[in-house]
Every structure is written in C-alpha cells, then in structure tokens.
Amino acid sequence: ITLDYYAIGWFRQAPGKERERVSCISSSDGSTYYADSVKG
C-alpha cells in the first residue's frame, strides 16, 4: 500500500544538525529528487 499510494523519501540527521531530505521517489510516475549535497 505504501509503494502503491505514497512516495518514499530518504532523510538523514546527524547529531546537532537539522534533518535533511536527501532524496525522494514518487509513487505515481517514479520522478526522483535529490538534495544538492548528494546529487550525482
């Protein structure tokens, strides 16, 4: 159900730092997104 109806994002958090979304993939069309810090 999660994969059928929701996108999945990857986040990371280091001690003392803000949580950062590093990537995301859509459920509908498979579009992908990347933070500048990890792109490539």
PDB file of all heavy atoms in Angstrom:
ATOM      1  N   ILE A   1       0.825  -1.202   0.000  1.00  0.00           N
ATOM      2  CA  ILE A   1       0.000   0.000   0.000  1.00  0.00           C
ATOM      3  C   ILE A   1       0.862   1.255   0.000  1.00  0.00           C
ATOM      4  O   ILE A   1       0.573   2.226  -0.697  1.00  0.00           O
ATOM      5  CB  ILE A   1      -0.966  -0.015   1.195  1.00  0.00           C
ATOM      6  CG1 ILE A   1      -2.032  -1.093   0.998  1.00  0.00           C
ATOM      7  CG2 ILE A   1      -1.612   1.355   1.380  1.00  0.00           C
ATOM      8  CD1 ILE A   1      -2.997  -1.222   2.147  1.00  0.00           C
ATOM      9  N   THR A   2       1.916   1.232   0.770  1.00  0.00           N
ATOM     10  CA  THR A   2       2.813   2.386   0.826  1.00  0.00           C
ATOM     11  C   THR A   2       3.412   2.681  -0.540  1.00  0.00           C
ATOM     12  O   THR A   2       3.425   3.832  -0.984  1.00  0.00           O
ATOM     13  CB  THR A   2       3.923   2.146   1.853  1.00  0.00           C
ATOM     14  OG1 THR A   2       3.357   2.014   3.160  1.00  0.00           O
ATOM     15  CG2 THR A   2       4.904   3.313   1.868  1.00  0.00           C
ATOM     16  N   LEU A   3       3.903   1.656  -1.208  1.00  0.00           N
ATOM     17  CA  LEU A   3       4.506   1.855  -2.514  1.00  0.00           C
ATOM     18  C   LEU A   3       3.476   2.205  -3.576  1.00  0.00           C
ATOM     19  O   LEU A   3       3.791   2.920  -4.527  1.00  0.00           O
ATOM     20  CB  LEU A   3       5.292   0.613  -2.936  1.00  0.00           C
ATOM     21  CG  LEU A   3       6.555   0.308  -2.133  1.00  0.00           C
ATOM     22  CD1 LEU A   3       7.285  -0.882  -2.724  1.00  0.00           C
ATOM     23  CD2 LEU A   3       7.472   1.519  -2.089  1.00  0.00           C
ATOM     24  N   ASP A   4       2.275   1.719  -3.424  1.00  0.00           N
ATOM     25  CA  ASP A   4       1.233   1.999  -4.406  1.00  0.00           C
ATOM     26  C   ASP A   4       0.686   3.413  -4.303  1.00  0.00           C
ATOM     27  O   ASP A   4       0.321   4.011  -5.316  1.00  0.00           O
ATOM     28  CB  ASP A   4       0.079   1.012  -4.257  1.00  0.00           C
ATOM     29  CG  ASP A   4       0.408  -0.381  -4.754  1.00  0.00           C
ATOM     30  OD1 ASP A   4       1.390  -0.532  -5.498  1.00  0.00           O
ATOM     31  OD2 ASP A   4      -0.328  -1.322  -4.406  1.00  0.00           O
ATOM     32  N   TYR A   5       0.642   3.949  -3.095  1.00  0.00           N
ATOM     33  CA  TYR A   5      -0.066   5.209  -2.873  1.00  0.00           C
ATOM     34  C   TYR A   5       0.789   6.341  -2.337  1.00  0.00           C
ATOM     35  O   TYR A   5       0.316   7.488  -2.284  1.00  0.00           O
ATOM     36  CB  TYR A   5      -1.233   4.978  -1.917  1.00  0.00           C
ATOM     37  CG  TYR A   5      -2.280   4.029  -2.470  1.00  0.00           C
ATOM     38  CD1 TYR A   5      -2.355   2.714  -2.028  1.00  0.00           C
ATOM     39  CD2 TYR A   5      -3.171   4.454  -3.444  1.00  0.00           C
ATOM     40  CE1 TYR A   5      -3.300   1.843  -2.539  1.00  0.00           C
ATOM     41  CE2 TYR A   5      -4.121   3.589  -3.961  1.00  0.00           C
ATOM     42  CZ  TYR A   5      -4.181   2.277  -3.498  1.00  0.00           C
ATOM     43  OH  TYR A   5      -5.127   1.412  -4.012  1.00  0.00           O
ATOM     44  N   TYR A   6       2.009   6.075  -1.948  1.00  0.00           N
ATOM     45  CA  TYR A   6       2.853   7.106  -1.346  1.00  0.00           C
ATOM     46  C   TYR A   6       4.217   7.140  -1.989  1.00  0.00           C
ATOM     47  O   TYR A   6       4.765   6.122  -2.410  1.00  0.00           O
ATOM     48  CB  TYR A   6       3.011   6.863   0.155  1.00  0.00           C
ATOM     49  CG  TYR A   6       1.728   6.947   0.935  1.00  0.00           C
ATOM     50  CD1 TYR A   6       0.992   5.801   1.203  1.00  0.00           C
ATOM     51  CD2 TYR A   6       1.265   8.168   1.401  1.00  0.00           C
ATOM     52  CE1 TYR A   6      -0.190   5.877   1.919  1.00  0.00           C
ATOM     53  CE2 TYR A   6       0.088   8.248   2.111  1.00  0.00           C
ATOM     54  CZ  TYR A   6      -0.641   7.101   2.371  1.00  0.00           C
ATOM     55  OH  TYR A   6      -1.809   7.176   3.084  1.00  0.00           O
ATOM     56  N   ALA A   7       4.770   8.331  -2.042  1.00  0.00           N
ATOM     57  CA  ALA A   7       6.177   8.482  -2.361  1.00  0.00           C
ATOM     58  C   ALA A   7       7.021   8.066  -1.155  1.00  0.00           C
ATOM     59  O   ALA A   7       6.535   8.058  -0.023  1.00  0.00           O
ATOM     60  CB  ALA A   7       6.483   9.933  -2.731  1.00  0.00           C
ATOM     61  N   ILE A   8       8.270   7.722  -1.422  1.00  0.00           N
ATOM     62  CA  ILE A   8       9.213   7.391  -0.359  1.00  0.00           C
ATOM     63  C   ILE A   8      10.361   8.377  -0.403  1.00  0.00           C
ATOM     64  O   ILE A   8      10.989   8.558  -1.452  1.00  0.00           O
ATOM     65  CB  ILE A   8       9.745   5.958  -0.485  1.00  0.00           C
ATOM     66  CG1 ILE A   8       8.602   4.947  -0.359  1.00  0.00           C
ATOM     67  CG2 ILE A   8      10.818   5.699   0.575  1.00  0.00           C
ATOM     68  CD1 ILE A   8       7.931   4.923   1.007  1.00  0.00           C
ATOM     69  N   GLY A   9      10.608   8.996   0.716  1.00  0.00           N
ATOM     70  CA  GLY A   9      11.737   9.896   0.843  1.00  0.00           C
ATOM     71  C   GLY A   9      12.794   9.321   1.763  1.00  0.00           C
ATOM     72  O   GLY A   9      12.480   8.590   2.710  1.00  0.00           O
ATOM     73  N   TRP A  10      14.036   9.636   1.455  1.00  0.00           N
ATOM     74  CA  TRP A  10      15.156   9.331   2.344  1.00  0.00           C
ATOM     75  C   TRP A  10      15.601  10.616   3.018  1.00  0.00           C
ATOM     76  O   TRP A  10      15.835  11.631   2.351  1.00  0.00           O
ATOM     77  CB  TRP A  10      16.325   8.709   1.585  1.00  0.00           C
ATOM     78  CG  TRP A  10      16.153   7.257   1.263  1.00  0.00           C
ATOM     79  CD1 TRP A  10      15.762   6.715   0.084  1.00  0.00           C
ATOM     80  CD2 TRP A  10      16.391   6.164   2.147  1.00  0.00           C
ATOM     81  NE1 TRP A  10      15.740   5.344   0.167  1.00  0.00           N
ATOM     82  CE2 TRP A  10      16.121   4.983   1.428  1.00  0.00           C
ATOM     83  CE3 TRP A  10      16.810   6.060   3.478  1.00  0.00           C
ATOM     84  CZ2 TRP A  10      16.247   3.705   1.997  1.00  0.00           C
ATOM     85  CZ3 TRP A  10      16.931   4.794   4.045  1.00  0.00           C
ATOM     86  CH2 TRP A  10      16.651   3.644   3.296  1.00  0.00           C
ATOM     87  N   PHE A  11      15.729  10.558   4.321  1.00  0.00           N
ATOM     88  CA  PHE A  11      16.160  11.680   5.134  1.00  0.00           C
ATOM     89  C   PHE A  11      17.366  11.257   5.951  1.00  0.00           C
ATOM     90  O   PHE A  11      17.582  10.075   6.195  1.00  0.00           O
ATOM     91  CB  PHE A  11      15.044  12.136   6.080  1.00  0.00           C
ATOM     92  CG  PHE A  11      13.794  12.590   5.394  1.00  0.00           C
ATOM     93  CD1 PHE A  11      12.901  11.673   4.859  1.00  0.00           C
ATOM     94  CD2 PHE A  11      13.501  13.941   5.291  1.00  0.00           C
ATOM     95  CE1 PHE A  11      11.736  12.084   4.234  1.00  0.00           C
ATOM     96  CE2 PHE A  11      12.334  14.369   4.666  1.00  0.00           C
ATOM     97  CZ  PHE A  11      11.463  13.439   4.139  1.00  0.00           C
ATOM     98  N   ARG A  12      18.133  12.224   6.385  1.00  0.00           N
ATOM     99  CA  ARG A  12      19.237  11.919   7.279  1.00  0.00           C
ATOM    100  C   ARG A  12      19.359  12.989   8.346  1.00  0.00           C
ATOM    101  O   ARG A  12      18.982  14.142   8.146  1.00  0.00           O
ATOM    102  CB  ARG A  12      20.559  11.780   6.516  1.00  0.00           C
ATOM    103  CG  ARG A  12      21.075  13.070   5.888  1.00  0.00           C
ATOM    104  CD  ARG A  12      22.317  12.779   5.047  1.00  0.00           C
ATOM    105  NE  ARG A  12      22.867  13.985   4.455  1.00  0.00           N
ATOM    106  CZ  ARG A  12      23.861  13.992   3.579  1.00  0.00           C
ATOM    107  NH1 ARG A  12      24.430  12.842   3.200  1.00  0.00           N
ATOM    108  NH2 ARG A  12      24.311  15.147   3.094  1.00  0.00           N
ATOM    109  N   GLN A  13      19.886  12.586   9.480  1.00  0.00           N
ATOM    110  CA  GLN A  13      20.094  13.516  10.567  1.00  0.00           C
ATOM    111  C   GLN A  13      21.337  13.113  11.353  1.00  0.00           C
ATOM    112  O   GLN A  13      21.452  11.976  11.800  1.00  0.00           O
ATOM    113  CB  GLN A  13      18.891  13.566  11.496  1.00  0.00           C
ATOM    114  CG  GLN A  13      18.984  14.669  12.533  1.00  0.00           C
ATOM    115  CD  GLN A  13      17.658  14.955  13.192  1.00  0.00           C
ATOM    116  OE1 GLN A  13      16.803  14.079  13.302  1.00  0.00           O
ATOM    117  NE2 GLN A  13      17.481  16.186  13.621  1.00  0.00           N
ATOM    118  N   ALA A  14      22.243  14.050  11.480  1.00  0.00           N
ATOM    119  CA  ALA A  14      23.430  13.873  12.289  1.00  0.00           C
ATOM    120  C   ALA A  14      23.237  14.612  13.603  1.00  0.00           C
ATOM    121  O   ALA A  14      22.465  15.575  13.674  1.00  0.00           O
ATOM    122  CB  ALA A  14      24.658  14.398  11.560  1.00  0.00           C
ATOM    123  N   PRO A  15      23.920  14.194  14.658  1.00  0.00           N
ATOM    124  CA  PRO A  15      23.777  14.874  15.949  1.00  0.00           C
ATOM    125  C   PRO A  15      24.046  16.369  15.843  1.00  0.00           C
ATOM    126  O   PRO A  15      25.048  16.792  15.266  1.00  0.00           O
ATOM    127  CB  PRO A  15      24.822  14.182  16.826  1.00  0.00           C
ATOM    128  CG  PRO A  15      24.967  12.827  16.227  1.00  0.00           C
ATOM    129  CD  PRO A  15      24.826  13.041  14.749  1.00  0.00           C
ATOM    130  N   GLY A  16      23.138  17.167  16.373  1.00  0.00           N
ATOM    131  CA  GLY A  16      23.301  18.607  16.372  1.00  0.00           C
ATOM    132  C   GLY A  16      22.979  19.290  15.061  1.00  0.00           C
ATOM    133  O   GLY A  16      23.150  20.504  14.947  1.00  0.00           O
ATOM    134  N   LYS A  17      22.518  18.541  14.075  1.00  0.00           N
ATOM    135  CA  LYS A  17      22.212  19.110  12.772  1.00  0.00           C
ATOM    136  C   LYS A  17      20.732  18.941  12.446  1.00  0.00           C
ATOM    137  O   LYS A  17      20.057  18.064  12.986  1.00  0.00           O
ATOM    138  CB  LYS A  17      23.055  18.465  11.679  1.00  0.00           C
ATOM    139  CG  LYS A  17      24.549  18.698  11.825  1.00  0.00           C
ATOM    140  CD  LYS A  17      25.314  18.098  10.664  1.00  0.00           C
ATOM    141  CE  LYS A  17      26.800  18.353  10.779  1.00  0.00           C
ATOM    142  NZ  LYS A  17      27.554  17.751   9.644  1.00  0.00           N
ATOM    143  N   GLU A  18      20.259  19.790  11.561  1.00  0.00           N
ATOM    144  CA  GLU A  18      18.880  19.695  11.107  1.00  0.00           C
ATOM    145  C   GLU A  18      18.696  18.469  10.227  1.00  0.00           C
ATOM    146  O   GLU A  18      19.602  18.044   9.512  1.00  0.00           O
ATOM    147  CB  GLU A  18      18.486  20.951  10.333  1.00  0.00           C
ATOM    148  CG  GLU A  18      18.432  22.219  11.171  1.00  0.00           C
ATOM    149  CD  GLU A  18      17.277  22.205  12.129  1.00  0.00           C
ATOM    150  OE1 GLU A  18      16.206  21.670  11.775  1.00  0.00           O
ATOM    151  OE2 GLU A  18      17.431  22.727  13.245  1.00  0.00           O
ATOM    152  N   ARG A  19      17.499  17.913  10.288  1.00  0.00           N
ATOM    153  CA  ARG A  19      17.162  16.818   9.405  1.00  0.00           C
ATOM    154  C   ARG A  19      17.147  17.307   7.962  1.00  0.00           C
ATOM    155  O   ARG A  19      16.648  18.399   7.665  1.00  0.00           O
ATOM    156  CB  ARG A  19      15.800  16.239   9.786  1.00  0.00           C
ATOM    157  CG  ARG A  19      15.416  14.997   9.002  1.00  0.00           C
ATOM    158  CD  ARG A  19      14.059  14.497   9.436  1.00  0.00           C
ATOM    159  NE  ARG A  19      13.016  15.454   9.123  1.00  0.00           N
ATOM    160  CZ  ARG A  19      11.826  15.491   9.715  1.00  0.00           C
ATOM    161  NH1 ARG A  19      11.543  14.608  10.673  1.00  0.00           N
ATOM    162  NH2 ARG A  19      10.933  16.393   9.360  1.00  0.00           N
ATOM    163  N   GLU A  20      17.684  16.508   7.074  1.00  0.00           N
ATOM    164  CA  GLU A  20      17.805  16.871   5.677  1.00  0.00           C
ATOM    165  C   GLU A  20      17.178  15.793   4.808  1.00  0.00           C
ATOM    166  O   GLU A  20      17.438  14.610   5.003  1.00  0.00           O
ATOM    167  CB  GLU A  20      19.280  17.040   5.290  1.00  0.00           C
ATOM    168  CG  GLU A  20      19.522  17.326   3.813  1.00  0.00           C
ATOM    169  CD  GLU A  20      20.994  17.310   3.443  1.00  0.00           C
ATOM    170  OE1 GLU A  20      21.792  16.681   4.166  1.00  0.00           O
ATOM    171  OE2 GLU A  20      21.348  17.947   2.421  1.00  0.00           O
ATOM    172  N   ARG A  21      16.360  16.198   3.860  1.00  0.00           N
ATOM    173  CA  ARG A  21      15.863  15.253   2.881  1.00  0.00           C
ATOM    174  C   ARG A  21      16.902  15.093   1.794  1.00  0.00           C
ATOM    175  O   ARG A  21      17.265  16.055   1.122  1.00  0.00           O
ATOM    176  CB  ARG A  21      14.526  15.701   2.280  1.00  0.00           C
ATOM    177  CG  ARG A  21      13.838  14.590   1.489  1.00  0.00           C
ATOM    178  CD  ARG A  21      12.518  15.023   0.900  1.00  0.00           C
ATOM    179  NE  ARG A  21      12.685  15.643  -0.413  1.00  0.00           N
ATOM    180  CZ  ARG A  21      11.688  16.011  -1.196  1.00  0.00           C
ATOM    181  NH1 ARG A  21      10.431  15.856  -0.780  1.00  0.00           N
ATOM    182  NH2 ARG A  21      11.926  16.550  -2.369  1.00  0.00           N
ATOM    183  N   VAL A  22      17.373  13.876   1.616  1.00  0.00           N
ATOM    184  CA  VAL A  22      18.431  13.641   0.647  1.00  0.00           C
ATOM    185  C   VAL A  22      17.891  13.181  -0.698  1.00  0.00           C
ATOM    186  O   VAL A  22      18.517  13.427  -1.736  1.00  0.00           O
ATOM    187  CB  VAL A  22      19.478  12.645   1.176  1.00  0.00           C
ATOM    188  CG1 VAL A  22      20.130  13.183   2.438  1.00  0.00           C
ATOM    189  CG2 VAL A  22      18.863  11.278   1.447  1.00  0.00           C
ATOM    190  N   SER A  23      16.735  12.519  -0.692  1.00  0.00           N
ATOM    191  CA  SER A  23      16.184  12.029  -1.943  1.00  0.00           C
ATOM    192  C   SER A  23      14.724  11.669  -1.767  1.00  0.00           C
ATOM    193  O   SER A  23      14.241  11.511  -0.641  1.00  0.00           O
ATOM    194  CB  SER A  23      16.972  10.806  -2.442  1.00  0.00           C
ATOM    195  OG  SER A  23      16.599  10.462  -3.767  1.00  0.00           O
ATOM    196  N   CYS A  24      14.020  11.529  -2.887  1.00  0.00           N
ATOM    197  CA  CYS A  24      12.610  11.164  -2.853  1.00  0.00           C
ATOM    198  C   CYS A  24      12.244  10.551  -4.192  1.00  0.00           C
ATOM    199  O   CYS A  24      12.776  10.961  -5.230  1.00  0.00           O
ATOM    200  CB  CYS A  24      11.746  12.396  -2.567  1.00  0.00           C
ATOM    201  SG  CYS A  24      10.026  12.035  -2.129  1.00  0.00           S
ATOM    202  N   ILE A  25      11.339   9.584  -4.157  1.00  0.00           N
ATOM    203  CA  ILE A  25      10.847   8.977  -5.392  1.00  0.00           C
ATOM    204  C   ILE A  25       9.331   8.915  -5.330  1.00  0.00           C
ATOM    205  O   ILE A  25       8.748   8.436  -4.361  1.00  0.00           O
ATOM    206  CB  ILE A  25      11.471   7.581  -5.637  1.00  0.00           C
ATOM    207  CG1 ILE A  25      11.034   7.032  -6.996  1.00  0.00           C
ATOM    208  CG2 ILE A  25      11.146   6.610  -4.510  1.00  0.00           C
ATOM    209  CD1 ILE A  25      11.877   5.846  -7.458  1.00  0.00           C
ATOM    210  N   SER A  26       8.684   9.416  -6.377  1.00  0.00           N
ATOM    211  CA  SER A  26       7.234   9.483  -6.422  1.00  0.00           C
ATOM    212  C   SER A  26       6.626   8.118  -6.690  1.00  0.00           C
ATOM    213  O   SER A  26       7.228   7.259  -7.339  1.00  0.00           O
ATOM    214  CB  SER A  26       6.776  10.457  -7.501  1.00  0.00           C
ATOM    215  OG  SER A  26       7.214  11.769  -7.241  1.00  0.00           O
ATOM    216  N   SER A  27       5.408   7.928  -6.214  1.00  0.00           N
ATOM    217  CA  SER A  27       4.699   6.680  -6.456  1.00  0.00           C
ATOM    218  C   SER A  27       4.002   6.670  -7.801  1.00  0.00           C
ATOM    219  O   SER A  27       3.829   5.611  -8.408  1.00  0.00           O
ATOM    220  CB  SER A  27       3.678   6.428  -5.344  1.00  0.00           C
ATOM    221  OG  SER A  27       2.698   7.452  -5.313  1.00  0.00           O
ATOM    222  N   SER A  28       3.580   7.836  -8.278  1.00  0.00           N
ATOM    223  CA  SER A  28       2.778   7.919  -9.487  1.00  0.00           C
ATOM    224  C   SER A  28       3.583   7.707 -10.757  1.00  0.00           C
ATOM    225  O   SER A  28       3.272   6.830 -11.564  1.00  0.00           O
ATOM    226  CB  SER A  28       2.059   9.265  -9.547  1.00  0.00           C
ATOM    227  OG  SER A  28       2.980  10.337  -9.462  1.00  0.00           O
ATOM    228  N   ASP A  29       4.621   8.511 -10.941  1.00  0.00           N
ATOM    229  CA  ASP A  29       5.387   8.450 -12.177  1.00  0.00           C
ATOM    230  C   ASP A  29       6.857   8.107 -11.972  1.00  0.00           C
ATOM    231  O   ASP A  29       7.622   8.091 -12.941  1.00  0.00           O
ATOM    232  CB  ASP A  29       5.267   9.761 -12.949  1.00  0.00           C
ATOM    233  CG  ASP A  29       5.779  10.966 -12.184  1.00  0.00           C
ATOM    234  OD1 ASP A  29       6.276  10.794 -11.054  1.00  0.00           O
ATOM    235  OD2 ASP A  29       5.676  12.085 -12.717  1.00  0.00           O
ATOM    236  N   GLY A  30       7.255   7.855 -10.742  1.00  0.00           N
ATOM    237  CA  GLY A  30       8.629   7.485 -10.470  1.00  0.00           C
ATOM    238  C   GLY A  30       9.615   8.628 -10.516  1.00  0.00           C
ATOM    239  O   GLY A  30      10.827   8.387 -10.551  1.00  0.00           O
ATOM    240  N   SER A  31       9.131   9.859 -10.525  1.00  0.00           N
ATOM    241  CA  SER A  31      10.022  11.009 -10.529  1.00  0.00           C
ATOM    242  C   SER A  31      10.930  10.983  -9.311  1.00  0.00           C
ATOM    243  O   SER A  31      10.507  10.609  -8.219  1.00  0.00           O
ATOM    244  CB  SER A  31       9.220  12.312 -10.546  1.00  0.00           C
ATOM    245  OG  SER A  31       8.455  12.417 -11.734  1.00  0.00           O
ATOM    246  N   THR A  32      12.163  11.386  -9.512  1.00  0.00           N
ATOM    247  CA  THR A  32      13.145  11.375  -8.435  1.00  0.00           C
ATOM    248  C   THR A  32      13.637  12.774  -8.126  1.00  0.00           C
ATOM    249  O   THR A  32      13.670  13.648  -9.001  1.00  0.00           O
ATOM    250  CB  THR A  32      14.335  10.474  -8.780  1.00  0.00           C
ATOM    251  OG1 THR A  32      14.940  10.928 -10.000  1.00  0.00           O
ATOM    252  CG2 THR A  32      13.883   9.031  -8.951  1.00  0.00           C
ATOM    253  N   TYR A  33      14.033  12.965  -6.884  1.00  0.00           N
ATOM    254  CA  TYR A  33      14.501  14.247  -6.400  1.00  0.00           C
ATOM    255  C   TYR A  33      15.727  14.015  -5.526  1.00  0.00           C
ATOM    256  O   TYR A  33      15.806  13.017  -4.805  1.00  0.00           O
ATOM    257  CB  TYR A  33      13.416  14.958  -5.581  1.00  0.00           C
ATOM    258  CG  TYR A  33      12.112  15.135  -6.322  1.00  0.00           C
ATOM    259  CD1 TYR A  33      11.186  14.095  -6.385  1.00  0.00           C
ATOM    260  CD2 TYR A  33      11.800  16.331  -6.958  1.00  0.00           C
ATOM    261  CE1 TYR A  33       9.989  14.247  -7.067  1.00  0.00           C
ATOM    262  CE2 TYR A  33      10.609  16.486  -7.638  1.00  0.00           C
ATOM    263  CZ  TYR A  33       9.703  15.439  -7.688  1.00  0.00           C
ATOM    264  OH  TYR A  33       8.519  15.600  -8.366  1.00  0.00           O
ATOM    265  N   TYR A  34      16.665  14.958  -5.590  1.00  0.00           N
ATOM    266  CA  TYR A  34      17.892  14.842  -4.819  1.00  0.00           C
ATOM    267  C   TYR A  34      18.277  16.178  -4.231  1.00  0.00           C
ATOM    268  O   TYR A  34      18.135  17.227  -4.861  1.00  0.00           O
ATOM    269  CB  TYR A  34      19.045  14.338  -5.687  1.00  0.00           C
ATOM    270  CG  TYR A  34      18.819  12.969  -6.265  1.00  0.00           C
ATOM    271  CD1 TYR A  34      18.287  12.810  -7.534  1.00  0.00           C
ATOM    272  CD2 TYR A  34      19.140  11.826  -5.530  1.00  0.00           C
ATOM    273  CE1 TYR A  34      18.070  11.549  -8.067  1.00  0.00           C
ATOM    274  CE2 TYR A  34      18.926  10.562  -6.059  1.00  0.00           C
ATOM    275  CZ  TYR A  34      18.392  10.431  -7.328  1.00  0.00           C
ATOM    276  OH  TYR A  34      18.179   9.182  -7.852  1.00  0.00           O
ATOM    277  N   ALA A  35      18.779  16.125  -3.016  1.00  0.00           N
ATOM    278  CA  ALA A  35      19.370  17.308  -2.431  1.00  0.00           C
ATOM    279  C   ALA A  35      20.662  17.643  -3.159  1.00  0.00           C
ATOM    280  O   ALA A  35      21.359  16.755  -3.653  1.00  0.00           O
ATOM    281  CB  ALA A  35      19.643  17.090  -0.946  1.00  0.00           C
ATOM    282  N   ASP A  36      20.984  18.934  -3.215  1.00  0.00           N
ATOM    283  CA  ASP A  36      22.211  19.348  -3.891  1.00  0.00           C
ATOM    284  C   ASP A  36      23.442  18.681  -3.288  1.00  0.00           C
ATOM    285  O   ASP A  36      24.419  18.413  -3.990  1.00  0.00           O
ATOM    286  CB  ASP A  36      22.358  20.867  -3.829  1.00  0.00           C
ATOM    287  CG  ASP A  36      21.361  21.592  -4.706  1.00  0.00           C
ATOM    288  OD1 ASP A  36      20.794  20.961  -5.617  1.00  0.00           O
ATOM    289  OD2 ASP A  36      21.151  22.801  -4.485  1.00  0.00           O
ATOM    290  N   SER A  37      23.396  18.402  -2.008  1.00  0.00           N
ATOM    291  CA  SER A  37      24.546  17.837  -1.323  1.00  0.00           C
ATOM    292  C   SER A  37      24.867  16.410  -1.756  1.00  0.00           C
ATOM    293  O   SER A  37      25.982  15.939  -1.538  1.00  0.00           O
ATOM    294  CB  SER A  37      24.336  17.876   0.193  1.00  0.00           C
ATOM    295  OG  SER A  37      23.154  17.184   0.558  1.00  0.00           O
ATOM    296  N   VAL A  38      23.901  15.716  -2.358  1.00  0.00           N
ATOM    297  CA  VAL A  38      24.115  14.324  -2.741  1.00  0.00           C
ATOM    298  C   VAL A  38      23.928  14.075  -4.225  1.00  0.00           C
ATOM    299  O   VAL A  38      24.226  12.969  -4.707  1.00  0.00           O
ATOM    300  CB  VAL A  38      23.194  13.370  -1.953  1.00  0.00           C
ATOM    301  CG1 VAL A  38      23.337  13.594  -0.458  1.00  0.00           C
ATOM    302  CG2 VAL A  38      21.741  13.537  -2.387  1.00  0.00           C
ATOM    303  N   LYS A  39      23.463  15.062  -4.957  1.00  0.00           N
ATOM    304  CA  LYS A  39      23.190  14.881  -6.376  1.00  0.00           C
ATOM    305  C   LYS A  39      24.459  14.466  -7.117  1.00  0.00           C
ATOM    306  O   LYS A  39      25.518  15.057  -6.934  1.00  0.00           O
ATOM    307  CB  LYS A  39      22.621  16.158  -6.978  1.00  0.00           C
ATOM    308  CG  LYS A  39      22.065  15.965  -8.380  1.00  0.00           C
ATOM    309  CD  LYS A  39      21.322  17.203  -8.856  1.00  0.00           C
ATOM    310  CE  LYS A  39      20.678  16.976 -10.209  1.00  0.00           C
ATOM    311  NZ  LYS A  39      19.908  18.167 -10.664  1.00  0.00           N
ATOM    312  N   GLY A  40      24.324  13.444  -7.944  1.00  0.00           N
ATOM    313  CA  GLY A  40      25.452  12.908  -8.673  1.00  0.00           C
ATOM    314  C   GLY A  40      26.166  11.783  -7.953  1.00  0.00           C
ATOM    315  O   GLY A  40      26.966  11.073  -8.570  1.00  0.00           O
TER     316      GLY A  40
END
